[in-house]
Amino acid sequence: MTDGLGRAAAMLLTAMAIFGLVDNAVPLIAEDAGLWQFHVVRAALALILLGAAARVAGKILRPLRPGAVAARSLLMAGAMVLYFGALGYLPITEAAAGLFTSPIFVLIISSAIYRIPLGPRRIAAVALGFAGILLILKPGSGGMSAASLVPVAAGAVYAASVIVTNRFCAQENPMTLLLAFFLTIGAASAVGLLLVTFTPIGGEGFVLRPATAPTARFWVLTGIQAVTSVLAVGLLIRSYQIAEPSYLAPFEYTMMLFAGFFAWLLRGEIPGIASLSGMLLIVSAGVIIALRRRSSA
């Protein structure tokens, strides 16, 4: 068990480091193309890689429960569109902090829908996480905007996808889930790209920018995003296959640390004291939730 946990933790930490590094490239991609064009190209490249991998492995990626897989894919795609959209406007550490409110929303949704009791420790974790969100968003200080709420919304939608995955997609092949996700986000983004390109809703900025002639930098960075996303998600899935998830969950919060480190290394970007304090509270809330899951197990 110890060896398995060590290998799984190493895989997960590697995945978080990859995400923390390559997501720092999104602001550069946002200078060259729009959100929808980025997702269309990234999904197409990822699907080519997955198709080749499935053929080499001789796997037939057919879902056992198509409806559940479709629902999960829609939720996951929605979360990633919100998260990457936020990366075009916000510092990566703030966007990542919003996304990692997901364990808090998992508790809230599970309690509301499935009547799962929270208990004092989990209630304290929700309170800590909420306080962290307030520190990052700074309501009433003039710093809060609609863009600040986007990564928190991504965390809520991601939490819903986690619940669907756990309750309805536990027996699915991980490659099937990954393929369905990229198909969904690619198709949805293609519709978005058509709308911003050929209707009046298109305009300026990362989210509303119409299709543009791809630059060499866009192809290189988006290609790296596609390859590393498939690799990192593969490591993530494999880590949860060989070790108990409740032991691994706290390691996911290192993504914020990796993202902050690479943002400082590449762009000299340093979060303020309030944002750093908010991130610490959100991480603490997630660790409390994970440790509570482990003790319950």
Protein backbone atom coordinates (compact mmCIF):
# COMPACT_ATOMS: atom_id res chain seq x y z
CA MET A 1 0.00 0.00 0.00
CA THR A 2 2.84 2.42 0.88
CA ASP A 3 4.63 1.81 -2.43
CA GLY A 4 1.35 2.21 -4.32
CA LEU A 5 0.56 5.43 -2.49
CA GLY A 6 4.05 6.78 -3.14
CA ARG A 7 3.83 6.06 -6.87
CA ALA A 8 0.30 7.47 -7.05
CA ALA A 9 1.33 10.63 -5.19
CA ALA A 10 4.30 11.10 -7.54
CA MET A 11 2.02 10.74 -10.58
CA LEU A 12 -0.51 13.17 -9.17
CA LEU A 13 2.15 15.74 -8.23
CA THR A 14 3.60 15.45 -11.73
CA ALA A 15 0.14 16.07 -13.21
CA MET A 16 -0.39 19.13 -10.98
CA ALA A 17 3.03 20.51 -11.94
CA ILE A 18 2.17 20.08 -15.63
CA PHE A 19 -1.16 21.87 -15.21
CA GLY A 20 0.48 24.64 -13.18
CA LEU A 21 3.06 25.21 -15.92
CA VAL A 22 1.03 24.94 -19.13
CA ASP A 23 -1.99 26.87 -17.83
CA ASN A 24 0.35 29.85 -17.46
CA ALA A 25 0.51 29.91 -21.26
CA VAL A 26 -3.21 30.71 -21.61
CA PRO A 27 -2.73 34.50 -21.24
CA LEU A 28 -0.32 34.34 -24.19
CA ILE A 29 -2.80 32.25 -26.20
CA ALA A 30 -5.46 34.84 -25.34
CA GLU A 31 -3.38 37.48 -27.14
CA ASP A 32 -3.47 35.49 -30.39
CA ALA A 33 -6.92 33.85 -30.50
CA GLY A 34 -10.24 33.54 -28.69
CA LEU A 35 -11.44 31.06 -26.09
CA TRP A 36 -13.61 29.06 -28.50
CA GLN A 37 -10.93 28.74 -31.17
CA PHE A 38 -8.46 27.59 -28.53
CA HIS A 39 -10.81 24.87 -27.26
CA VAL A 40 -11.69 23.66 -30.78
CA VAL A 41 -8.06 23.24 -31.80
CA ARG A 42 -6.99 21.79 -28.44
CA ALA A 43 -9.85 19.26 -28.46
CA ALA A 44 -9.14 18.23 -32.07
CA LEU A 45 -5.47 17.59 -31.29
CA ALA A 46 -6.33 15.70 -28.08
CA LEU A 47 -8.86 13.52 -29.91
CA ILE A 48 -6.24 12.58 -32.52
CA LEU A 49 -3.87 11.56 -29.74
CA LEU A 50 -6.56 9.59 -27.89
CA GLY A 51 -7.71 7.88 -31.05
CA ALA A 52 -4.18 6.79 -31.82
CA ALA A 53 -3.64 5.58 -28.25
CA ALA A 54 -6.89 3.59 -28.28
CA ARG A 55 -5.97 1.97 -31.58
CA VAL A 56 -2.52 0.98 -30.33
CA ALA A 57 -4.03 -0.41 -27.12
CA GLY A 58 -6.79 -2.19 -29.04
CA LYS A 59 -9.54 -0.61 -26.91
CA ILE A 60 -13.13 0.05 -27.95
CA LEU A 61 -14.13 3.23 -26.13
CA ARG A 62 -17.88 2.61 -25.85
CA PRO A 63 -19.63 3.99 -22.72
CA LEU A 64 -21.55 1.61 -20.47
CA ARG A 65 -24.06 4.33 -19.54
CA PRO A 66 -24.18 6.85 -22.41
CA GLY A 67 -26.59 9.23 -20.67
CA ALA A 68 -24.48 9.49 -17.54
CA VAL A 69 -21.27 9.92 -19.55
CA ALA A 70 -22.92 12.65 -21.63
CA ALA A 71 -24.10 14.48 -18.50
CA ARG A 72 -20.65 14.24 -16.93
CA SER A 73 -19.00 15.47 -20.13
CA LEU A 74 -21.32 18.48 -20.38
CA LEU A 75 -20.64 19.47 -16.78
CA MET A 76 -16.89 18.97 -17.08
CA ALA A 77 -16.78 20.89 -20.37
CA GLY A 78 -18.76 23.74 -18.79
CA ALA A 79 -16.34 23.90 -15.86
CA MET A 80 -13.30 23.99 -18.13
CA VAL A 81 -14.78 26.67 -20.40
CA LEU A 82 -15.40 28.85 -17.33
CA TYR A 83 -11.95 28.17 -15.88
CA PHE A 84 -10.00 28.81 -19.08
CA GLY A 85 -12.17 31.86 -19.78
CA ALA A 86 -11.15 33.24 -16.39
CA LEU A 87 -7.48 32.61 -17.18
CA GLY A 88 -7.77 35.20 -19.96
CA TYR A 89 -8.63 37.91 -17.41
CA LEU A 90 -7.41 36.90 -13.94
CA PRO A 91 -4.07 35.87 -12.42
CA ILE A 92 -3.73 32.09 -12.63
CA THR A 93 -3.47 31.72 -8.84
CA GLU A 94 -6.87 33.39 -8.38
CA ALA A 95 -8.47 31.35 -11.16
CA ALA A 96 -7.06 28.12 -9.72
CA ALA A 97 -8.25 29.07 -6.23
CA GLY A 98 -11.77 29.51 -7.57
CA LEU A 99 -11.69 26.15 -9.35
CA PHE A 100 -10.47 24.41 -6.18
CA THR A 101 -13.53 25.49 -4.24
CA SER A 102 -15.02 22.33 -5.79
CA PRO A 103 -14.68 20.14 -2.64
CA ILE A 104 -16.75 22.71 -0.75
CA PHE A 105 -19.47 22.59 -3.40
CA VAL A 106 -19.33 18.77 -3.43
CA LEU A 107 -20.27 18.81 0.26
CA ILE A 108 -23.01 21.39 -0.21
CA ILE A 109 -24.56 19.63 -3.23
CA SER A 110 -24.30 16.18 -1.65
CA SER A 111 -25.95 17.43 1.53
CA ALA A 112 -28.74 19.22 -0.35
CA ILE A 113 -29.57 16.46 -2.86
CA TYR A 114 -28.56 13.23 -1.14
CA ARG A 115 -29.12 14.33 2.47
CA ILE A 116 -25.57 13.41 3.46
CA PRO A 117 -24.92 14.82 6.97
CA LEU A 118 -22.06 17.30 7.13
CA GLY A 119 -21.01 17.24 10.78
CA PRO A 120 -19.10 20.00 12.59
CA ARG A 121 -15.74 19.35 10.88
CA ARG A 122 -17.16 19.60 7.39
CA ILE A 123 -19.26 22.64 8.31
CA ALA A 124 -16.05 24.26 9.55
CA ALA A 125 -14.37 23.38 6.25
CA VAL A 126 -17.20 25.01 4.27
CA ALA A 127 -16.94 28.13 6.44
CA LEU A 128 -13.16 28.27 5.93
CA GLY A 129 -13.52 27.89 2.18
CA PHE A 130 -16.22 30.56 2.01
CA ALA A 131 -14.00 32.95 3.98
CA GLY A 132 -11.20 32.22 1.52
CA ILE A 133 -13.47 33.04 -1.42
CA LEU A 134 -14.39 36.37 0.19
CA LEU A 135 -10.72 37.25 0.73
CA ILE A 136 -9.92 36.57 -2.93
CA LEU A 137 -13.02 38.30 -4.35
CA LYS A 138 -12.79 41.29 -1.94
CA PRO A 139 -16.50 42.25 -2.04
CA GLY A 140 -17.14 45.90 -1.26
CA SER A 141 -13.54 46.90 -1.94
CA GLY A 142 -14.03 47.82 -5.58
CA GLY A 143 -11.89 44.87 -6.66
CA MET A 144 -14.74 42.40 -7.14
CA SER A 145 -16.12 41.97 -10.64
CA ALA A 146 -18.16 39.47 -12.61
CA ALA A 147 -14.87 37.97 -13.85
CA SER A 148 -13.93 37.23 -10.24
CA LEU A 149 -17.00 35.01 -9.87
CA VAL A 150 -16.28 32.95 -12.99
CA PRO A 151 -13.68 30.56 -11.48
CA VAL A 152 -15.90 30.02 -8.42
CA ALA A 153 -18.73 29.09 -10.81
CA ALA A 154 -16.25 26.72 -12.49
CA GLY A 155 -15.62 25.11 -9.09
CA ALA A 156 -19.35 24.60 -8.55
CA VAL A 157 -19.90 23.03 -11.98
CA TYR A 158 -16.79 20.88 -11.60
CA ALA A 159 -18.16 19.66 -8.25
CA ALA A 160 -21.37 18.57 -9.96
CA SER A 161 -19.33 16.62 -12.53
CA VAL A 162 -17.41 14.91 -9.72
CA ILE A 163 -20.66 13.79 -8.11
CA VAL A 164 -22.01 12.44 -11.41
CA THR A 165 -18.70 10.63 -12.03
CA ASN A 166 -18.74 9.01 -8.60
CA ARG A 167 -22.38 7.96 -8.60
CA PHE A 168 -23.03 7.08 -12.23
CA CYS A 169 -19.71 6.63 -14.09
CA ALA A 170 -17.56 4.68 -11.64
CA GLN A 171 -17.35 1.62 -13.90
CA GLU A 172 -16.50 3.48 -17.10
CA ASN A 173 -13.11 3.13 -18.81
CA PRO A 174 -11.12 6.31 -17.98
CA MET A 175 -10.16 6.71 -21.65
CA THR A 176 -13.85 6.61 -22.55
CA LEU A 177 -14.56 9.47 -20.14
CA LEU A 178 -11.61 11.45 -21.48
CA LEU A 179 -12.67 10.91 -25.10
CA ALA A 180 -16.26 11.92 -24.33
CA PHE A 181 -15.06 15.06 -22.56
CA PHE A 182 -12.93 16.25 -25.47
CA LEU A 183 -15.69 15.42 -27.97
CA THR A 184 -18.15 17.47 -25.93
CA ILE A 185 -15.96 20.50 -25.32
CA GLY A 186 -14.82 20.43 -28.94
CA ALA A 187 -18.38 20.34 -30.31
CA ALA A 188 -19.67 22.99 -27.88
CA SER A 189 -16.71 25.25 -28.64
CA ALA A 190 -17.28 24.86 -32.38
CA VAL A 191 -20.81 26.20 -31.88
CA GLY A 192 -19.43 29.04 -29.77
CA LEU A 193 -16.83 29.85 -32.42
CA LEU A 194 -19.49 30.00 -35.14
CA LEU A 195 -21.63 32.32 -33.01
CA VAL A 196 -18.86 34.81 -32.20
CA THR A 197 -17.61 34.74 -35.79
CA PHE A 198 -20.85 35.00 -37.77
CA THR A 199 -23.32 36.75 -35.43
CA PRO A 200 -23.34 40.19 -33.76
CA ILE A 201 -22.38 38.78 -30.34
CA GLY A 202 -18.74 38.55 -31.41
CA GLY A 203 -16.45 41.32 -30.27
CA GLU A 204 -13.27 42.13 -28.39
CA GLY A 205 -11.63 40.11 -25.65
CA PHE A 206 -10.74 36.47 -25.12
CA VAL A 207 -14.31 35.16 -24.75
CA LEU A 208 -15.99 37.01 -27.63
CA ARG A 209 -13.14 37.11 -30.17
CA PRO A 210 -14.09 35.68 -33.60
CA ALA A 211 -11.97 33.15 -35.47
CA THR A 212 -8.59 34.52 -36.47
CA ALA A 213 -5.71 33.27 -38.59
CA PRO A 214 -3.68 31.15 -36.14
CA THR A 215 -0.19 32.40 -35.40
CA ALA A 216 2.81 30.13 -35.05
CA ARG A 217 2.83 30.83 -31.31
CA PHE A 218 -0.83 29.80 -31.04
CA TRP A 219 -0.16 26.46 -32.77
CA VAL A 220 2.86 25.73 -30.61
CA LEU A 221 1.25 26.65 -27.28
CA THR A 222 -2.09 25.00 -28.05
CA GLY A 223 -0.31 21.87 -29.28
CA ILE A 224 1.64 21.74 -26.04
CA GLN A 225 -1.63 22.23 -24.13
CA ALA A 226 -3.25 19.31 -25.97
CA VAL A 227 -0.36 16.89 -25.48
CA THR A 228 0.25 17.79 -21.85
CA SER A 229 -3.47 17.73 -21.00
CA VAL A 230 -3.80 14.17 -22.24
CA LEU A 231 -0.61 13.19 -20.40
CA ALA A 232 -1.53 14.94 -17.14
CA VAL A 233 -5.09 13.66 -17.08
CA GLY A 234 -3.78 10.17 -17.83
CA LEU A 235 -1.44 10.42 -14.83
CA LEU A 236 -4.29 11.75 -12.70
CA ILE A 237 -6.61 8.88 -13.66
CA ARG A 238 -3.90 6.27 -13.13
CA SER A 239 -2.98 7.66 -9.71
CA TYR A 240 -6.58 7.26 -8.52
CA GLN A 241 -6.65 3.73 -9.89
CA ILE A 242 -3.76 2.50 -7.73
CA ALA A 243 -4.34 4.35 -4.44
CA GLU A 244 -7.25 5.35 -2.21
CA PRO A 245 -8.65 8.70 -3.43
CA SER A 246 -9.12 10.09 0.09
CA TYR A 247 -5.35 9.80 0.65
CA LEU A 248 -4.54 11.56 -2.61
CA ALA A 249 -7.04 14.43 -2.60
CA PRO A 250 -4.91 16.89 -0.57
CA PHE A 251 -2.10 16.60 -3.14
CA GLU A 252 -4.32 18.19 -5.80
CA TYR A 253 -4.09 21.53 -4.00
CA THR A 254 -0.41 21.73 -4.91
CA MET A 255 -1.63 22.88 -8.33
CA MET A 256 -2.13 26.36 -6.84
CA LEU A 257 1.44 26.32 -5.54
CA PHE A 258 2.85 25.18 -8.89
CA ALA A 259 0.70 27.73 -10.75
CA GLY A 260 1.87 30.53 -8.45
CA PHE A 261 5.52 29.48 -8.72
CA PHE A 262 5.50 29.36 -12.52
CA ALA A 263 3.53 32.65 -12.71
CA TRP A 264 6.26 34.28 -10.61
CA LEU A 265 9.07 32.58 -12.57
CA LEU A 266 7.69 33.39 -16.02
CA ARG A 267 5.97 36.74 -15.48
CA GLY A 268 6.97 38.03 -12.05
CA GLU A 269 3.33 37.75 -10.95
CA ILE A 270 2.91 37.79 -7.15
CA PRO A 271 -0.53 37.58 -5.45
CA GLY A 272 -1.41 40.09 -2.76
CA ILE A 273 -1.59 39.23 0.93
CA ALA A 274 -5.40 38.96 0.88
CA SER A 275 -5.37 36.60 -2.11
CA LEU A 276 -2.62 34.47 -0.57
CA SER A 277 -4.58 34.25 2.69
CA GLY A 278 -7.72 33.29 0.79
CA MET A 279 -5.88 30.54 -1.10
CA LEU A 280 -4.50 29.20 2.19
CA LEU A 281 -8.01 29.02 3.66
CA ILE A 282 -9.36 27.22 0.57
CA VAL A 283 -6.49 24.72 0.68
CA SER A 284 -7.11 24.19 4.41
CA ALA A 285 -10.79 23.56 3.75
CA GLY A 286 -9.96 20.98 1.07
CA VAL A 287 -7.46 19.20 3.31
CA ILE A 288 -9.99 19.04 6.16
CA ILE A 289 -12.58 17.57 3.78
CA ALA A 290 -10.08 15.03 2.42
CA LEU A 291 -8.90 13.98 5.89
CA ARG A 292 -12.50 13.60 7.02
CA ARG A 293 -13.19 11.35 4.02
CA ARG A 294 -10.15 9.25 4.89
CA SER A 295 -11.13 8.82 8.55
CA SER A 296 -14.68 7.91 7.52
CA ALA A 297 -13.32 5.31 5.09
